[in-house]
Amino acid sequence: MAKHIAFQGEPGAYSHQACVESCPDFTPLPCPTFEDAMEAVRSGAADLGMIAVENSTYGRVQDVYHLLPDSGLHIIDETFVRVHVNLLGLPGTKVSDIKTVRAMSVLLGQARGFVKEHALATRNWSDNAAAARSVVEDGDASCGAFASELAGEIFGLDVLARQIEDHKLNTTRFLIMARAPDYTRRADKMVTAFMFRVRNIPAALYKAMGGFATNGVNMTKLESYMVDGVFTATQFYADIEGHPDDENVKLALDELGYFTEMVKILGVYPADPRRQ
């Protein structure tokens, strides 16, 4: 029986590329939204979910951090995809023919230099692969799309300009999510991801973080956002190096519990070597 991995976007999206590169034994399942991709995993329509969480140029994917705590899913792995931005156009067109380019705002922001150099008008699109498909559907030779080479192959577009991103290390990090957790130690370097909400007491965050410093636990990510639109209720997402069974991690998490009203482990997984 075929195994499926859900991703947000249309065929040819960078998330699709992540699925092909990291989980070649799984059949990619395109979904319109991140919620739909997570629901596909929850319902059993997909075995795994490939969820984009941050880009080295653009920053975090904010919607995902709001969805993670209540997704009912567990992070079991991570992967990094080198994002090459390409200008796609109808067969036979040249860069000089393109007057308007379509892409998600995230991707448009990763190729500002090219846009400025060629005086292109930009149009925000719901999905980069969808932007590529729309160029084919409209048949307008003056319109192009920023997307992956995979999208060009799928929709029969020419690659008019390759690797036009502003930053040559442009990379997107993805979380691979499943219905069941996997806390087995599968590598020497492990990552533990969790959510927490500090108690409403003075210096609560400072005190909560102290346990990680005193126990020598390296925190590689700390993201904050409001809960239910209330300014006084702040929730945090954190990644730390180590496994919950490590003595220093145990001690740090125990200390965290004294200054929080909620701590929830979201996943334990091997650190991808490309983190470095």
Protein backbone atom coordinates (compact mmCIF):
# COMPACT_ATOMS: atom_id res chain seq x y z
CA MET A 1 0.00 0.00 0.00
CA ALA A 2 1.37 3.39 -1.02
CA LYS A 3 2.47 5.77 1.71
CA HIS A 4 1.63 9.46 1.36
CA ILE A 5 3.19 12.67 2.62
CA ALA A 6 1.04 15.81 2.68
CA PHE A 7 2.38 19.28 1.89
CA GLN A 8 0.94 22.77 1.53
CA GLY A 9 0.81 23.97 -2.06
CA GLU A 10 0.32 22.67 -5.56
CA PRO A 11 2.50 20.20 -7.46
CA GLY A 12 5.82 21.91 -8.11
CA ALA A 13 5.85 23.88 -4.83
CA TYR A 14 9.08 23.99 -2.84
CA SER A 15 7.32 21.83 -0.24
CA HIS A 16 6.76 19.28 -3.02
CA GLN A 17 10.50 19.46 -3.75
CA ALA A 18 11.18 18.82 -0.04
CA CYS A 19 8.99 15.71 -0.16
CA VAL A 20 10.72 14.35 -3.25
CA GLU A 21 14.21 14.97 -1.88
CA SER A 22 13.67 13.83 1.73
CA CYS A 23 10.97 11.16 1.50
CA PRO A 24 11.35 9.58 -1.96
CA ASP A 25 9.44 6.45 -0.90
CA PHE A 26 6.31 8.49 -0.14
CA THR A 27 3.76 9.77 -2.65
CA PRO A 28 3.38 13.57 -2.27
CA LEU A 29 -0.16 14.76 -1.50
CA PRO A 30 -0.79 18.45 -2.30
CA CYS A 31 -3.07 20.40 0.08
CA PRO A 32 -4.40 23.97 -0.24
CA THR A 33 -3.41 25.12 3.27
CA PHE A 34 -1.21 24.14 6.20
CA GLU A 35 -4.38 23.23 8.11
CA ASP A 36 -5.42 20.90 5.29
CA ALA A 37 -1.99 19.25 5.23
CA MET A 38 -2.12 18.63 8.98
CA GLU A 39 -5.69 17.37 8.76
CA ALA A 40 -4.65 14.91 6.04
CA VAL A 41 -2.18 13.39 8.50
CA ARG A 42 -4.67 13.40 11.39
CA SER A 43 -7.35 11.72 9.29
CA GLY A 44 -5.01 9.06 7.90
CA ALA A 45 -5.21 10.32 4.32
CA ALA A 46 -1.45 10.87 4.63
CA ASP A 47 1.16 9.13 6.77
CA LEU A 48 3.39 12.19 7.18
CA GLY A 49 3.23 15.95 6.76
CA MET A 50 5.96 18.19 5.32
CA ILE A 51 5.50 21.58 6.98
CA ALA A 52 7.62 24.68 6.20
CA VAL A 53 8.51 26.63 9.34
CA GLU A 54 11.20 29.16 8.42
CA ASN A 55 13.34 30.56 5.63
CA SER A 56 16.85 31.87 6.09
CA THR A 57 16.05 35.04 4.13
CA TYR A 58 12.41 35.73 4.95
CA GLY A 59 12.13 34.39 8.48
CA ARG A 60 9.49 32.25 10.17
CA VAL A 61 6.20 31.06 8.70
CA GLN A 62 4.01 32.63 11.35
CA ASP A 63 0.82 30.68 10.67
CA VAL A 64 2.50 27.37 11.39
CA TYR A 65 3.57 28.28 14.94
CA HIS A 66 -0.06 29.05 15.79
CA LEU A 67 -1.17 25.67 14.39
CA LEU A 68 1.48 23.45 16.00
CA PRO A 69 0.19 23.33 19.62
CA ASP A 70 -3.28 22.11 18.69
CA SER A 71 -2.40 20.07 15.62
CA GLY A 72 -2.42 16.77 17.51
CA LEU A 73 0.68 15.82 15.52
CA HIS A 74 4.29 15.18 16.51
CA ILE A 75 7.54 16.32 14.94
CA ILE A 76 9.60 13.25 14.04
CA ASP A 77 12.23 14.79 11.76
CA GLU A 78 13.44 17.95 10.05
CA THR A 79 14.89 18.70 6.65
CA PHE A 80 16.40 21.70 4.89
CA VAL A 81 15.82 22.56 1.24
CA ARG A 82 18.05 24.91 -0.72
CA VAL A 83 15.55 27.29 -2.32
CA HIS A 84 16.60 28.41 -5.78
CA VAL A 85 14.33 31.10 -7.19
CA ASN A 86 13.86 30.80 -10.95
CA LEU A 87 12.01 32.96 -13.46
CA LEU A 88 9.65 30.80 -15.48
CA GLY A 89 7.91 31.90 -18.68
CA LEU A 90 6.00 30.54 -21.64
CA PRO A 91 8.10 28.48 -24.08
CA GLY A 92 10.08 30.69 -26.43
CA THR A 93 9.98 33.83 -24.27
CA LYS A 94 13.02 35.73 -23.01
CA VAL A 95 13.68 37.65 -19.80
CA SER A 96 13.24 40.91 -21.71
CA ASP A 97 9.69 39.85 -22.65
CA ILE A 98 8.58 39.62 -19.01
CA LYS A 99 6.94 42.72 -17.54
CA THR A 100 5.05 41.19 -14.60
CA VAL A 101 6.09 38.37 -12.29
CA ARG A 102 3.81 36.33 -10.03
CA ALA A 103 4.73 34.54 -6.80
CA MET A 104 3.97 34.38 -3.12
CA SER A 105 5.08 37.50 -1.26
CA VAL A 106 7.60 35.33 0.61
CA LEU A 107 9.34 34.41 -2.63
CA LEU A 108 9.08 37.87 -4.18
CA GLY A 109 10.95 39.14 -1.13
CA GLN A 110 13.78 36.70 -1.80
CA ALA A 111 14.56 38.08 -5.27
CA ARG A 112 14.18 41.84 -4.81
CA GLY A 113 17.44 42.53 -6.61
CA PHE A 114 16.29 40.76 -9.79
CA VAL A 115 12.90 42.49 -9.66
CA LYS A 116 14.55 45.89 -9.37
CA GLU A 117 17.17 45.21 -12.03
CA HIS A 118 14.54 44.25 -14.61
CA ALA A 119 11.89 46.77 -13.48
CA LEU A 120 9.30 44.04 -13.01
CA ALA A 121 5.82 44.62 -11.67
CA THR A 122 4.99 42.06 -8.99
CA ARG A 123 1.75 40.26 -8.24
CA ASN A 124 1.23 38.31 -5.01
CA TRP A 125 -0.05 34.79 -5.59
CA SER A 126 -1.44 32.22 -3.19
CA ASP A 127 1.22 29.65 -4.10
CA ASN A 128 4.34 29.70 -6.25
CA ALA A 129 3.40 26.61 -8.20
CA ALA A 130 -0.09 28.03 -8.71
CA ALA A 131 1.54 31.17 -10.07
CA ALA A 132 3.44 29.04 -12.58
CA ARG A 133 0.24 27.24 -13.57
CA SER A 134 -1.56 30.56 -14.05
CA VAL A 135 1.07 31.72 -16.53
CA VAL A 136 0.26 28.70 -18.69
CA GLU A 137 -3.50 29.17 -18.31
CA ASP A 138 -3.42 32.88 -19.19
CA GLY A 139 -1.02 32.45 -22.11
CA ASP A 140 0.35 35.98 -21.70
CA ALA A 141 3.99 36.10 -22.81
CA SER A 142 4.61 39.23 -20.73
CA CYS A 143 3.82 37.37 -17.49
CA GLY A 144 6.27 35.14 -15.66
CA ALA A 145 6.44 33.37 -12.33
CA PHE A 146 9.06 32.86 -9.65
CA ALA A 147 9.05 29.15 -8.79
CA SER A 148 11.07 25.96 -8.66
CA GLU A 149 12.49 24.18 -11.69
CA LEU A 150 10.19 21.30 -10.71
CA ALA A 151 7.19 23.59 -11.30
CA GLY A 152 8.57 24.45 -14.72
CA GLU A 153 8.86 20.78 -15.60
CA ILE A 154 5.34 20.00 -14.40
CA PHE A 155 3.65 22.89 -16.24
CA GLY A 156 5.83 22.97 -19.35
CA LEU A 157 7.41 26.38 -18.78
CA ASP A 158 10.90 27.52 -19.77
CA VAL A 159 13.43 28.53 -17.14
CA LEU A 160 14.35 32.04 -18.29
CA ALA A 161 16.72 32.82 -15.40
CA ARG A 162 18.11 30.41 -12.79
CA GLN A 163 19.04 30.94 -9.15
CA ILE A 164 18.15 34.62 -8.99
CA GLU A 165 17.68 34.74 -5.20
CA ASP A 166 19.37 37.62 -3.39
CA HIS A 167 21.12 35.38 -0.86
CA LYS A 168 23.02 32.41 -2.20
CA LEU A 169 22.44 30.37 0.96
CA ASN A 170 18.66 30.82 0.75
CA THR A 171 17.24 27.79 2.59
CA THR A 172 13.89 26.71 4.00
CA ARG A 173 13.54 24.47 7.03
CA PHE A 174 10.73 21.91 7.13
CA LEU A 175 9.33 19.81 9.95
CA ILE A 176 8.18 16.27 9.19
CA MET A 177 5.13 15.45 11.29
CA ALA A 178 3.29 12.23 12.14
CA ARG A 179 0.32 11.06 14.20
CA ALA A 180 2.51 9.22 16.71
CA PRO A 181 5.63 10.50 18.46
CA ASP A 182 9.02 8.87 18.06
CA TYR A 183 11.29 9.56 21.03
CA THR A 184 13.90 6.95 20.13
CA ARG A 185 17.47 8.20 20.03
CA ARG A 186 18.17 7.86 16.31
CA ALA A 187 21.33 9.97 16.14
CA ASP A 188 24.10 11.35 18.31
CA LYS A 189 22.70 14.87 18.00
CA MET A 190 19.02 15.14 18.86
CA VAL A 191 16.63 18.09 19.05
CA THR A 192 13.70 18.48 21.44
CA ALA A 193 10.92 20.90 20.45
CA PHE A 194 8.33 22.13 22.91
CA MET A 195 5.78 24.84 23.64
CA PHE A 196 5.44 26.60 26.98
CA ARG A 197 3.50 29.42 28.57
CA VAL A 198 5.04 31.33 31.45
CA ARG A 199 3.16 32.13 34.63
CA ASN A 200 2.10 35.74 35.12
CA ILE A 201 4.81 36.58 37.65
CA PRO A 202 7.70 39.07 37.52
CA ALA A 203 10.71 37.92 35.47
CA ALA A 204 9.02 34.57 34.71
CA LEU A 205 10.69 34.16 31.31
CA TYR A 206 14.11 35.07 32.68
CA LYS A 207 13.72 32.51 35.46
CA ALA A 208 12.35 29.87 33.09
CA MET A 209 15.36 30.25 30.81
CA GLY A 210 17.82 30.07 33.69
CA GLY A 211 17.57 26.30 33.97
CA PHE A 212 18.83 25.81 30.44
CA ALA A 213 21.85 28.04 31.04
CA THR A 214 22.83 26.48 34.38
CA ASN A 215 22.48 22.95 33.00
CA GLY A 216 24.43 23.62 29.82
CA VAL A 217 21.53 23.07 27.42
CA ASN A 218 21.83 24.99 24.15
CA MET A 219 18.58 26.60 23.04
CA THR A 220 18.70 27.07 19.27
CA LYS A 221 15.29 28.69 18.79
CA LEU A 222 12.84 30.71 20.87
CA GLU A 223 9.73 32.13 19.21
CA SER A 224 6.99 34.07 20.99
CA TYR A 225 3.43 34.92 20.00
CA MET A 226 0.20 36.01 21.64
CA VAL A 227 -2.54 33.55 22.58
CA ASP A 228 -6.11 34.34 21.48
CA GLY A 229 -5.15 37.95 20.79
CA VAL A 230 -4.53 38.73 24.45
CA PHE A 231 -1.48 40.91 25.11
CA THR A 232 -0.83 39.43 28.56
CA ALA A 233 -0.93 35.79 27.39
CA THR A 234 2.27 34.88 25.56
CA GLN A 235 3.21 31.44 24.35
CA PHE A 236 6.69 30.31 23.33
CA TYR A 237 8.06 27.72 20.93
CA ALA A 238 11.57 26.44 21.64
CA ASP A 239 14.13 24.06 20.15
CA ILE A 240 16.92 22.74 22.35
CA GLU A 241 19.84 20.45 21.63
CA GLY A 242 19.51 17.12 23.39
CA HIS A 243 17.07 14.36 24.27
CA PRO A 244 14.55 14.46 27.18
CA ASP A 245 16.37 11.45 28.70
CA ASP A 246 19.64 13.41 28.91
CA GLU A 247 20.24 14.33 32.54
CA ASN A 248 20.91 18.00 31.84
CA VAL A 249 17.79 18.28 29.66
CA LYS A 250 15.70 16.59 32.37
CA LEU A 251 16.92 19.08 34.96
CA ALA A 252 16.32 22.06 32.69
CA LEU A 253 12.77 20.96 31.84
CA ASP A 254 12.02 20.30 35.51
CA GLU A 255 13.13 23.82 36.37
CA LEU A 256 11.08 25.19 33.48
CA GLY A 257 7.99 23.63 35.06
CA TYR A 258 8.28 25.82 38.16
CA PHE A 259 7.76 29.01 36.16
CA THR A 260 5.23 27.90 33.55
CA GLU A 261 1.58 27.00 33.49
CA MET A 262 1.97 24.75 30.44
CA VAL A 263 4.81 22.77 28.85
CA LYS A 264 4.11 20.51 25.86
CA ILE A 265 6.70 18.41 24.03
CA LEU A 266 6.04 18.66 20.29
CA GLY A 267 8.73 16.31 19.08
CA VAL A 268 12.12 14.70 19.52
CA TYR A 269 14.12 14.14 16.35
CA PRO A 270 17.64 13.93 14.88
CA ALA A 271 19.36 17.22 14.14
CA ASP A 272 19.79 17.58 10.39
CA PRO A 273 23.51 18.10 9.55
CA ARG A 274 22.50 21.09 7.41
CA ARG A 275 21.61 23.00 10.56
CA GLN A 276 25.26 24.02 10.53
